[in-house]
Protein backbone atom coordinates (compact mmCIF):
# COMPACT_ATOMS: atom_id res chain seq x y z
CA MET A 1 17.83 15.61 -10.89
CA SER A 2 19.52 13.55 -8.29
CA MET A 3 19.31 13.86 -4.57
CA PRO A 4 22.52 14.53 -2.65
CA THR A 5 23.94 11.22 -1.46
CA GLU A 6 23.90 12.02 2.28
CA SER A 7 20.34 13.30 2.26
CA LYS A 8 19.24 10.33 0.15
CA LYS A 9 20.84 7.87 2.56
CA GLU A 10 19.27 9.63 5.55
CA SER A 11 15.85 9.57 3.89
CA GLU A 12 16.20 5.87 3.03
CA LYS A 13 17.30 5.13 6.61
CA LYS A 14 14.24 6.91 8.08
CA ASP A 15 11.95 5.16 5.60
CA PHE A 16 13.49 1.75 6.34
CA THR A 17 13.21 2.33 10.09
CA ALA A 18 9.55 3.34 9.78
CA ILE A 19 8.73 0.23 7.74
CA LEU A 20 10.71 -2.00 10.10
CA ILE A 21 8.78 -0.69 13.12
CA ALA A 22 5.44 -0.89 11.30
CA GLY A 23 6.28 -4.44 10.19
CA PHE A 24 7.03 -5.48 13.75
CA PHE A 25 3.68 -4.15 14.94
CA PHE A 26 1.91 -5.81 12.01
CA LEU A 27 3.41 -9.17 13.00
CA LEU A 28 2.46 -8.56 16.62
CA GLN A 29 -1.05 -7.67 15.49
CA PHE A 30 -1.24 -10.86 13.41
CA VAL A 31 -0.20 -12.95 16.44
CA LEU A 32 -2.81 -11.16 18.55
CA PHE A 33 -5.37 -11.84 15.83
CA MET A 34 -4.52 -15.55 15.84
CA TYR A 35 -4.59 -15.94 19.62
CA ASN A 36 -7.33 -13.46 20.53
CA TYR A 37 -10.00 -14.13 17.96
CA ASN A 38 -13.14 -12.65 19.48
CA PHE A 39 -15.98 -15.15 18.95
CA LEU A 40 -18.30 -13.17 21.22
CA GLY A 41 -17.50 -9.71 19.85
CA TYR A 42 -19.62 -7.42 17.76
CA GLU A 43 -20.76 -9.41 14.72
CA LEU A 44 -20.77 -6.39 12.40
CA LEU A 45 -17.13 -5.60 13.19
CA ILE A 46 -16.11 -9.23 12.77
CA TRP A 47 -17.76 -9.51 9.33
CA THR A 48 -16.45 -6.13 8.25
CA GLY A 49 -12.96 -7.23 9.29
CA TRP A 50 -13.20 -10.43 7.26
CA LEU A 51 -14.47 -8.44 4.28
CA LEU A 52 -11.47 -6.08 4.58
CA LEU A 53 -9.02 -8.98 4.65
CA ILE A 54 -10.08 -10.11 1.17
CA PRO A 55 -9.19 -6.93 -0.77
CA GLY A 56 -6.20 -6.38 1.53
CA PHE A 57 -4.76 -9.78 0.72
CA LEU A 58 -5.56 -9.32 -2.99
CA LEU A 59 -3.84 -5.94 -3.15
CA VAL A 60 -0.72 -7.21 -1.39
CA SER A 61 -0.44 -10.38 -3.47
CA LEU A 62 -1.24 -8.72 -6.81
CA SER A 63 1.18 -5.86 -6.23
CA MET A 64 3.98 -8.21 -5.15
CA SER A 65 3.45 -10.47 -8.16
CA ARG A 66 3.44 -7.43 -10.47
CA LEU A 67 6.67 -6.14 -8.96
CA GLU A 68 8.27 -9.56 -9.38
CA GLU A 69 7.14 -9.74 -13.03
CA SER A 70 8.64 -6.30 -13.65
CA ASN A 71 11.92 -7.31 -11.94
CA ILE A 72 11.71 -4.12 -9.88
CA LEU A 73 12.32 -5.99 -6.62
CA GLU A 74 15.61 -7.45 -7.88
CA GLU A 75 17.13 -4.22 -9.21
CA ALA A 76 18.65 -2.01 -6.54
CA SER A 77 18.40 1.18 -8.56
CA THR A 78 15.55 0.85 -11.00
CA SER A 79 15.26 2.91 -14.13
CA THR A 80 11.47 2.69 -14.10
CA PHE A 81 8.49 2.36 -11.81
CA CYS A 82 5.57 -0.02 -12.08
CA THR A 83 2.41 1.31 -13.77
CA LYS A 84 0.73 -1.89 -14.91
CA GLY A 85 -1.73 -4.27 -13.28
CA VAL A 86 -3.02 -3.13 -9.91
CA TYR A 87 -0.69 -0.10 -10.20
CA GLU A 88 -3.08 1.23 -12.86
CA ILE A 89 -5.74 1.55 -10.15
CA VAL A 90 -3.76 2.94 -7.18
CA ARG A 91 -0.15 4.10 -6.91
CA HIS A 92 0.50 2.33 -3.58
CA PRO A 93 -1.47 -0.93 -3.58
CA LEU A 94 0.98 -2.66 -1.26
CA SER A 95 0.55 0.01 1.42
CA LEU A 96 -3.22 0.13 0.92
CA GLY A 97 -3.39 -3.66 1.25
CA TRP A 98 -1.31 -3.52 4.41
CA ILE A 99 -3.66 -0.92 5.89
CA LEU A 100 -6.75 -2.98 5.00
CA LEU A 101 -5.22 -6.10 6.55
CA ALA A 102 -4.29 -4.24 9.75
CA VAL A 103 -7.76 -2.71 10.08
CA GLY A 104 -9.33 -6.10 9.34
CA PHE A 105 -7.25 -7.80 12.05
CA THR A 106 -8.27 -5.09 14.52
CA PHE A 107 -11.97 -5.42 13.68
CA ILE A 108 -11.92 -9.20 13.93
CA SER A 109 -9.93 -9.54 17.15
CA GLN A 110 -11.49 -6.52 18.88
CA TYR A 111 -8.57 -6.61 21.29
CA TRP A 112 -7.26 -3.34 22.76
CA LEU A 113 -3.62 -4.19 22.05
CA SER A 114 -4.46 -4.83 18.40
CA LEU A 115 -5.96 -1.34 18.23
CA TYR A 116 -2.73 0.14 19.62
CA CYS A 117 -0.74 -1.75 16.99
CA LEU A 118 -2.98 -0.26 14.30
CA ILE A 119 -2.58 3.25 15.72
CA ILE A 120 1.21 2.87 15.56
CA GLN A 121 1.23 1.33 12.06
CA LEU A 122 -0.98 3.83 10.22
CA PRO A 123 1.23 6.93 10.53
CA LEU A 124 4.33 4.86 9.76
CA ILE A 125 2.76 3.47 6.58
CA VAL A 126 1.65 6.96 5.54
CA PHE A 127 5.19 8.24 6.25
CA ASP A 128 6.57 5.49 4.00
CA VAL A 129 4.15 6.42 1.21
CA ILE A 130 5.13 10.09 1.48
CA CYS A 131 8.84 9.22 1.37
CA GLU A 132 8.29 6.98 -1.65
CA GLU A 133 6.30 9.70 -3.42
CA GLU A 134 9.07 12.25 -2.83
CA PHE A 135 11.74 9.83 -4.04
CA LEU A 136 9.82 8.93 -7.21
CA GLU A 137 9.01 12.57 -7.96
CA LYS A 138 12.71 13.47 -7.77
CA ARG A 139 13.85 10.38 -9.64
CA PHE A 140 11.35 10.40 -12.52
CA ASP A 141 10.13 14.02 -12.50
CA GLY A 142 7.58 14.65 -15.29
CA GLU A 143 6.85 11.01 -16.02
CA TYR A 144 5.86 10.34 -12.42
CA ARG A 145 3.83 13.57 -12.26
CA ARG A 146 1.76 12.38 -15.24
CA TYR A 147 1.24 9.07 -13.46
CA GLN A 148 0.12 10.98 -10.33
CA ASP A 149 -2.40 12.93 -12.41
CA THR A 150 -4.05 9.77 -13.75
CA VAL A 151 -3.82 7.32 -10.83
CA PRO A 152 -4.87 8.16 -7.23
CA MET A 153 -2.51 7.51 -4.33
CA MET A 154 -4.65 5.06 -2.36
CA ASN A 155 -8.31 5.82 -3.14
CA ILE A 156 -9.37 2.51 -4.66
CA PHE A 157 -12.89 3.68 -5.54
CA SER A 158 -11.62 6.64 -7.53
CA GLY A 159 -8.91 4.41 -9.03
CA VAL A 160 -11.38 1.81 -10.28
CA SER A 161 -13.60 4.56 -11.70
CA ASN A 162 -10.64 6.21 -13.49
CA TYR A 163 -9.44 2.83 -14.76
CA PHE A 164 -12.79 2.03 -16.38
CA ARG A 165 -13.02 5.55 -17.83
CA ARG A 166 -9.58 5.13 -19.42
CA PHE A 167 -10.57 1.66 -20.62
CA GLU A 168 -13.81 2.94 -22.21
CA LYS A 169 -11.96 5.87 -23.78
CA SER A 170 -9.29 3.62 -25.30
CA SER A 171 -11.87 1.10 -26.57
CA SER A 172 -13.98 3.85 -28.17
CA GLU A 173 -10.88 5.32 -29.87
CA THR A 174 -10.00 1.95 -31.41
CA SER A 175 -13.47 1.31 -32.81
């Protein structure tokens, strides 16, 4: 099942534009975070923000390293999708990490412009995830649907729970 070329190109163009805009606002938010660190802000928000940066950074770095190991980033039209490593826990760890980083920056800086950047980024990231889901469903059909049934989109708590259930099930079957 392949998508018509024109509609595929239009979809990729919209997706690329959304990510480009979201990326710009993420960089702006990072600069605001660096220059407007709020030392006198609400302590709870500051600590929560720092705690969100840790899993956000881990998700982004682990997903990028997994994609590089799989050579998915180098191939323009891949014949597979990544299901190992952090992709066994959530289907979109890169997007989830990006969201956690953006929310963390907003909580730490507590600057109104940073909040606006977050408000612009969130729907664009979700739009990207939806476009990616649609593309992968059309490209890999049943295989991707099975992956969707076992791994949540971005719910890390459910993903960790499912991962350990699968791990316990596989270890009990081998013994």
